[in-house]
Protein backbone atom coordinates (compact mmCIF):
# COMPACT_ATOMS: atom_id res chain seq x y z
CA MET A 1 14.27 25.43 -12.31
CA GLN A 2 16.72 24.53 -9.55
CA GLN A 3 15.15 22.99 -6.47
CA LEU A 4 16.58 23.59 -3.01
CA THR A 5 15.79 22.19 0.40
CA ILE A 6 15.68 24.60 3.32
CA THR A 7 19.14 23.39 4.34
CA GLU A 8 20.53 24.04 0.85
CA LEU A 9 18.85 27.45 0.66
CA GLU A 10 20.18 28.39 4.08
CA LYS A 11 23.71 27.40 3.06
CA ALA A 12 23.61 29.07 -0.39
CA SER A 13 22.09 32.35 0.86
CA ARG A 14 23.85 32.46 4.23
CA VAL A 15 20.52 33.47 5.75
CA PRO A 16 19.32 31.50 8.81
CA ARG A 17 16.25 29.36 8.21
CA SER A 18 14.41 31.16 11.01
CA THR A 19 14.84 34.39 9.04
CA ILE A 20 13.77 32.69 5.81
CA TYR A 21 10.58 31.43 7.48
CA PHE A 22 9.97 34.96 8.84
CA TYR A 23 10.34 36.48 5.35
CA VAL A 24 7.86 33.95 3.94
CA ARG A 25 5.34 34.74 6.69
CA GLU A 26 5.74 38.49 6.10
CA GLY A 27 5.30 38.15 2.33
CA LEU A 28 8.86 39.05 1.35
CA LEU A 29 9.42 35.57 -0.11
CA PRO A 30 7.10 33.26 -2.06
CA MET A 31 5.65 30.25 -0.28
CA ALA A 32 7.71 27.07 -0.53
CA ARG A 33 6.36 24.32 -2.76
CA LYS A 34 4.99 21.50 -0.59
CA LEU A 35 5.86 17.98 -1.72
CA ALA A 36 4.59 16.39 1.47
CA PRO A 37 3.40 17.58 4.90
CA THR A 38 6.99 17.60 6.19
CA ARG A 39 8.87 18.37 2.99
CA ALA A 40 9.04 21.64 1.07
CA ILE A 41 11.34 22.88 -1.66
CA TYR A 42 12.58 26.32 -2.67
CA SER A 43 14.01 27.65 -5.92
CA GLU A 44 16.51 30.11 -7.32
CA VAL A 45 13.71 32.69 -7.08
CA HIS A 46 14.00 32.45 -3.29
CA LEU A 47 17.78 32.59 -3.54
CA GLY A 48 17.70 35.72 -5.71
CA LEU A 49 15.17 37.45 -3.48
CA LEU A 50 17.19 36.68 -0.37
CA ALA A 51 20.21 38.31 -1.99
CA GLU A 52 18.06 41.33 -2.93
CA ILE A 53 16.57 41.63 0.56
CA THR A 54 20.03 41.40 2.16
CA ARG A 55 21.30 44.16 -0.15
CA LEU A 56 18.32 46.44 0.47
CA ARG A 57 18.52 45.96 4.22
CA ALA A 58 22.20 46.90 4.06
CA GLU A 59 21.10 50.12 2.29
CA GLY A 60 18.87 50.90 5.27
CA LEU A 61 15.43 50.20 3.75
CA SER A 62 12.67 49.07 6.10
CA LEU A 63 10.95 45.71 5.67
CA GLU A 64 7.82 47.46 4.40
CA GLU A 65 9.83 49.33 1.77
CA ILE A 66 11.57 46.10 0.74
CA LYS A 67 8.24 44.28 0.57
CA SER A 68 6.89 46.95 -1.76
CA ARG A 69 9.90 46.59 -4.07
CA VAL A 70 9.82 42.80 -4.30
CA SER A 71 6.03 42.29 -4.27
CA SER A 72 5.69 41.58 -8.00
CA ARG A 73 8.44 38.94 -7.89
CA VAL A 74 6.88 37.34 -4.79
CA SER A 75 3.47 37.20 -6.49
CA ALA A 76 5.00 35.63 -9.60
CA GLY A 77 6.86 33.13 -7.42
CA ASN A 78 3.67 32.18 -5.57
CA ALA A 79 1.81 31.66 -8.85
CA THR A 80 4.60 29.44 -10.14
CA ALA A 81 4.60 27.46 -6.89
CA ASP A 82 0.83 26.96 -7.17
CA ASP A 83 1.16 25.75 -10.75
CA LEU A 84 3.98 23.38 -9.86
CA SER A 85 2.08 22.06 -6.84
CA ALA A 86 -0.99 21.39 -8.97
CA GLU A 87 1.15 19.69 -11.60
CA ARG A 88 2.87 17.60 -8.95
CA ALA A 89 -0.50 16.60 -7.45
CA ALA A 90 -1.79 15.56 -10.87
CA GLN A 91 1.36 13.50 -11.46
CA VAL A 92 1.04 11.71 -8.11
CA ARG A 93 -2.63 10.99 -8.70
CA ARG A 94 -1.94 9.64 -12.18
CA SER A 95 0.92 7.50 -10.85
CA ILE A 96 -1.39 5.97 -8.24
CA LEU A 97 -3.96 5.08 -10.91
CA ILE A 98 -1.39 3.55 -13.26
CA ALA A 99 0.24 1.51 -10.48
CA ALA A 100 -3.17 0.33 -9.27
CA ALA A 101 -4.17 -0.68 -12.80
CA ARG A 102 -1.00 -2.75 -13.21
CA LEU A 103 -1.56 -4.48 -9.87
CA PHE A 104 -5.29 -5.08 -10.42
CA VAL A 105 -4.47 -6.74 -13.74
CA ALA A 106 -1.59 -8.81 -12.34
CA ARG A 107 -3.04 -9.82 -8.96
CA GLY A 108 -6.74 -9.06 -9.07
CA TYR A 109 -8.67 -6.46 -7.09
CA HIS A 110 -9.02 -8.35 -3.83
CA ALA A 111 -5.38 -9.49 -3.69
CA THR A 112 -4.11 -5.95 -4.25
CA ARG A 113 -3.65 -3.96 -1.04
CA VAL A 114 -3.26 -0.22 -0.61
CA ASP A 115 0.22 -0.97 0.77
CA ASP A 116 1.10 -2.66 -2.54
CA ILE A 117 0.04 0.42 -4.49
CA VAL A 118 1.95 2.70 -2.14
CA VAL A 119 5.16 0.68 -2.58
CA GLU A 120 4.72 0.60 -6.35
CA VAL A 121 4.35 4.39 -6.55
CA GLY A 122 6.96 5.17 -3.89
CA ILE A 123 4.75 7.29 -1.65
CA SER A 124 3.51 7.03 1.94
CA THR A 125 0.12 5.66 2.94
CA PRO A 126 -1.12 9.09 4.17
CA VAL A 127 -0.26 10.55 0.75
CA PHE A 128 -2.34 7.82 -0.93
CA TYR A 129 -5.36 8.65 1.24
CA ARG A 130 -4.96 12.33 0.49
CA TYR A 131 -5.82 11.54 -3.12
CA PHE A 132 -8.22 8.61 -2.69
CA PRO A 133 -10.36 7.82 0.37
CA SER A 134 -10.33 4.08 -0.38
CA LYS A 135 -9.07 1.35 -2.70
CA GLN A 136 -12.59 1.18 -4.12
CA GLU A 137 -12.32 4.78 -5.32
CA VAL A 138 -9.10 3.95 -7.17
CA PHE A 139 -10.71 0.89 -8.69
CA ALA A 140 -13.71 2.94 -9.82
CA GLU A 141 -11.49 5.26 -11.84
CA VAL A 142 -9.35 2.44 -13.21
CA PHE A 143 -12.40 0.48 -14.29
CA GLY A 144 -13.93 3.62 -15.78
CA ALA A 145 -10.76 4.09 -17.82
CA PHE A 146 -10.93 0.44 -18.88
CA VAL A 147 -14.51 0.90 -20.09
CA HIS A 148 -13.46 4.05 -21.96
CA TRP A 149 -10.67 2.12 -23.68
CA MET A 150 -12.95 -0.80 -24.46
CA ARG A 151 -15.59 1.43 -26.00
CA THR A 152 -12.98 3.28 -28.05
CA VAL A 153 -11.42 0.09 -29.41
CA ALA A 154 -14.80 -1.56 -29.94
CA GLU A 155 -16.17 1.44 -31.83
CA ALA A 156 -13.11 1.48 -34.09
CA ALA A 157 -13.60 -2.22 -34.82
CA ARG A 158 -17.36 -1.82 -35.34
CA ALA A 159 -16.82 1.03 -37.79
CA GLN A 160 -15.05 -1.39 -40.17
CA GLU A 161 -18.16 -3.59 -40.48
CA ARG A 162 -21.36 -2.84 -42.40
CA ASP A 163 -23.44 -5.81 -41.25
CA PRO A 164 -25.10 -5.35 -37.80
CA ILE A 165 -24.13 -8.84 -36.59
CA ALA A 166 -20.59 -8.37 -37.86
CA ARG A 167 -20.41 -5.11 -35.88
CA GLU A 168 -21.50 -6.92 -32.74
CA LEU A 169 -18.95 -9.68 -33.33
CA ALA A 170 -16.19 -7.10 -33.79
CA GLN A 171 -17.21 -5.65 -30.43
CA VAL A 172 -17.17 -9.12 -28.85
CA SER A 173 -13.61 -9.60 -30.11
CA SER A 174 -12.56 -6.35 -28.41
CA PHE A 175 -14.35 -7.33 -25.19
CA TYR A 176 -12.68 -10.74 -25.29
CA PHE A 177 -9.18 -9.26 -25.19
CA GLY A 178 -10.25 -6.52 -22.80
CA MET A 179 -11.72 -8.95 -20.28
CA LYS A 180 -8.66 -11.18 -20.52
CA SER A 181 -6.54 -8.14 -19.67
CA VAL A 182 -8.56 -7.14 -16.61
CA SER A 183 -8.92 -9.59 -13.75
CA ARG A 184 -12.27 -11.41 -13.62
CA ASP A 185 -12.84 -10.43 -10.01
CA ALA A 186 -12.83 -6.80 -11.13
CA ILE A 187 -15.75 -7.47 -13.47
CA ALA A 188 -17.51 -9.41 -10.70
CA LEU A 189 -16.92 -6.56 -8.25
CA ILE A 190 -18.42 -3.93 -10.51
CA ARG A 191 -21.52 -6.08 -11.03
CA SER A 192 -21.81 -6.77 -7.30
CA GLU A 193 -21.57 -3.07 -6.45
CA ALA A 194 -24.32 -2.29 -8.98
CA MET A 195 -26.69 -4.57 -7.00
CA ARG A 196 -26.09 -2.81 -3.68
CA GLU A 197 -27.80 0.31 -2.43
CA ASP A 198 -25.40 1.20 0.38
CA SER A 199 -22.15 1.37 -1.55
CA GLU A 200 -20.24 4.51 -2.51
CA MET A 201 -19.65 2.86 -5.87
CA THR A 202 -23.27 1.92 -6.69
CA ASP A 203 -24.07 4.81 -9.02
CA MET A 204 -20.72 4.54 -10.80
CA ALA A 205 -21.14 0.77 -11.22
CA LYS A 206 -24.63 1.14 -12.66
CA ALA A 207 -23.54 3.87 -15.06
CA THR A 208 -20.53 1.83 -16.17
CA ILE A 209 -22.56 -1.30 -16.90
CA LYS A 210 -25.20 0.71 -18.75
CA GLU A 211 -22.47 2.28 -20.86
CA MET A 212 -21.04 -1.14 -21.68
CA ASN A 213 -24.46 -2.23 -22.98
CA SER A 214 -25.59 1.00 -24.62
CA THR A 215 -24.36 0.17 -28.12
CA THR A 216 -26.20 -3.15 -28.25
CA THR A 217 -29.35 -1.48 -26.89
CA GLU A 218 -29.16 1.12 -29.66
CA ASP A 219 -28.60 -1.54 -32.33
CA LEU A 220 -31.64 -3.53 -31.19
CA ALA A 221 -33.82 -0.42 -31.15
CA ARG A 222 -32.65 0.47 -34.66
CA ARG A 223 -33.31 -3.07 -35.91
CA ARG A 224 -36.80 -3.00 -34.39
CA LEU A 225 -37.51 0.27 -36.20
CA ASP A 226 -35.97 -0.75 -39.54
CA ASN A 227 -37.86 -4.04 -39.66
CA GLY A 228 -41.12 -2.62 -38.33
CA VAL A 229 -41.48 -5.30 -35.66
CA SER A 230 -43.58 -4.91 -32.54
CA ILE A 231 -42.47 -7.19 -29.72
CA PRO A 232 -43.35 -6.72 -26.03
CA VAL A 233 -39.79 -6.65 -24.65
CA ALA A 234 -37.50 -3.83 -23.48
CA ASP A 235 -34.49 -3.47 -25.78
CA GLU A 236 -32.18 -2.56 -22.89
CA LEU A 237 -33.10 -5.70 -20.96
CA VAL A 238 -32.50 -7.84 -24.05
CA SER A 239 -29.11 -6.18 -24.55
CA PHE A 240 -28.23 -7.02 -20.93
CA ALA A 241 -29.24 -10.63 -21.57
CA VAL A 242 -27.01 -10.74 -24.66
CA SER A 243 -24.02 -9.20 -22.86
CA GLY A 244 -24.49 -11.55 -19.89
CA ALA A 245 -24.49 -14.57 -22.18
CA ILE A 246 -21.42 -13.35 -24.09
CA GLU A 247 -19.59 -12.49 -20.88
CA SER A 248 -20.22 -16.06 -19.68
CA ILE A 249 -18.88 -17.42 -22.97
CA ILE A 250 -15.72 -15.33 -22.60
CA MET A 251 -15.36 -16.29 -18.94
CA ARG A 252 -15.50 -20.00 -19.78
CA ALA A 253 -13.02 -19.59 -22.64
CA SER A 254 -10.58 -17.82 -20.29
CA TRP A 255 -10.35 -20.78 -17.89
CA ASP A 256 -8.12 -22.92 -20.11
CA THR A 257 -7.08 -23.45 -23.73
CA ASP A 258 -10.04 -25.63 -24.74
CA TYR A 259 -11.64 -22.81 -26.75
CA SER A 260 -10.17 -20.30 -29.19
CA LEU A 261 -11.32 -16.80 -30.02
CA GLU A 262 -12.96 -18.26 -33.09
CA ASP A 263 -14.99 -20.60 -30.86
CA VAL A 264 -15.98 -17.62 -28.74
CA LEU A 265 -17.12 -15.67 -31.80
CA ARG A 266 -19.13 -18.62 -33.15
CA ALA A 267 -20.96 -19.01 -29.84
CA ALA A 268 -21.52 -15.24 -29.66
CA ALA A 269 -22.87 -15.28 -33.22
CA ALA A 270 -25.36 -18.00 -32.25
CA VAL A 271 -26.61 -15.87 -29.34
CA LEU A 272 -26.79 -12.70 -31.43
CA LEU A 273 -28.58 -14.41 -34.33
CA GLY A 274 -31.05 -16.01 -31.94
CA VAL A 275 -31.97 -12.62 -30.50
CA THR A 276 -32.00 -10.71 -33.78
CA THR A 277 -34.26 -13.33 -35.36
CA MET A 278 -37.01 -12.03 -33.10
CA TYR A 279 -36.26 -8.52 -34.34
CA SER A 280 -36.25 -9.59 -38.02
CA ARG A 281 -39.66 -11.16 -38.68
CA GLY A 282 -38.58 -14.77 -38.31
CA THR A 283 -35.33 -14.90 -40.30
CA ASP A 284 -33.77 -18.38 -40.17
CA ALA A 285 -30.90 -17.97 -37.66
CA ALA A 286 -29.35 -21.38 -38.39
CA ARG A 287 -29.17 -20.63 -42.11
CA GLN A 288 -27.74 -17.18 -41.49
CA MET A 289 -24.98 -18.58 -39.30
CA SER A 290 -23.13 -19.92 -42.34
CA THR A 291 -22.89 -16.42 -43.83
CA TYR A 292 -20.67 -15.28 -40.96
CA VAL A 293 -18.00 -17.97 -41.20
CA ASP A 294 -15.55 -15.79 -43.14
CA ILE A 295 -16.18 -12.77 -40.88
CA ILE A 296 -15.53 -14.86 -37.76
CA GLU A 297 -12.30 -16.26 -39.18
CA ARG A 298 -11.09 -12.77 -40.08
CA LEU A 299 -11.94 -11.28 -36.67
CA ALA A 300 -10.27 -14.21 -34.90
CA LYS A 301 -7.01 -13.33 -36.66
CA THR A 302 -7.15 -9.65 -35.65
CA PRO A 303 -6.15 -9.57 -31.95
CA THR A 304 -6.51 -6.53 -29.76
CA TRP A 305 -4.34 -5.65 -26.76
CA LEU A 306 -4.76 -3.50 -23.68
CA PRO A 307 -1.93 -0.95 -23.14
CA THR A 308 -2.50 -0.26 -19.44
CA ASP A 309 -0.40 2.89 -19.03
CA GLU A 310 -1.53 4.41 -22.31
CA LEU A 311 -5.12 3.50 -21.49
CA LEU A 312 -5.08 5.45 -18.26
CA LEU A 313 -3.13 8.41 -19.53
CA ASP A 314 -5.55 8.62 -22.44
CA ALA A 315 -8.69 8.24 -20.34
CA LEU A 316 -7.52 10.72 -17.73
CA GLU A 317 -7.29 13.40 -20.39
CA GLN A 318 -11.00 12.97 -21.26
């Protein structure tokens, strides 16, 4: 559909803009589609209706009679304008999220300013704040999308493994590449917000962290049930302890090239086996470690990557 500015519509229709505005107010023309507070566009629907109105006026019809004749076309035009405006709003919002994700990954959360996001998207600062009240709100959605991606990839990797420890190690491998793809200060921020009670992000941060640990919590509860063990600890708290230890392992490995993914997986296996021993009636963790050598080597050779744009577009459809 052709798009026209008011100047172009005025020139093409030979109708003064004051008259065009009057027709819109009186309901003889559809509303213009707003792209910004000071910018609106018109279409060939407006151009055709202006030609029709000019013809009918020349035939001597009153404005009320003309309005009655063109009402169905005006209604259809307004509906189309609403649909296009909603689509445009969704596109702008999505563009902000994708640009913010790129910048958070490249620069980190704290080093990324709203002005940087605005420049990346090609919009004004007021437009940004029309969609998001703060940078934190953008980050919350970006991080939520990251967690969605991480869970999706981790679940796909876990589904390939039958052994419970192997499933956990497959998840660690996914987390390793995911955390390397998202700046460490973003992870720190989400944990910090979860500890506060006066932050607009507190509930989101808590829910996100619980989601990240839910699979391990479920696995521990299942192992407790399958092995008939009775131990006076909360499975969720143990799962948080495991994830905290593994996150620290991954953080240390990300500092330099001293440790490989295989080293990370071996350390994670030691932590996991130590915990699951308690859930398995005293199984020898050190002896079991040797049974996972081949699994660790295989997982270390199966890298995962984080497609930022696809991640967000995917998550936003959920």
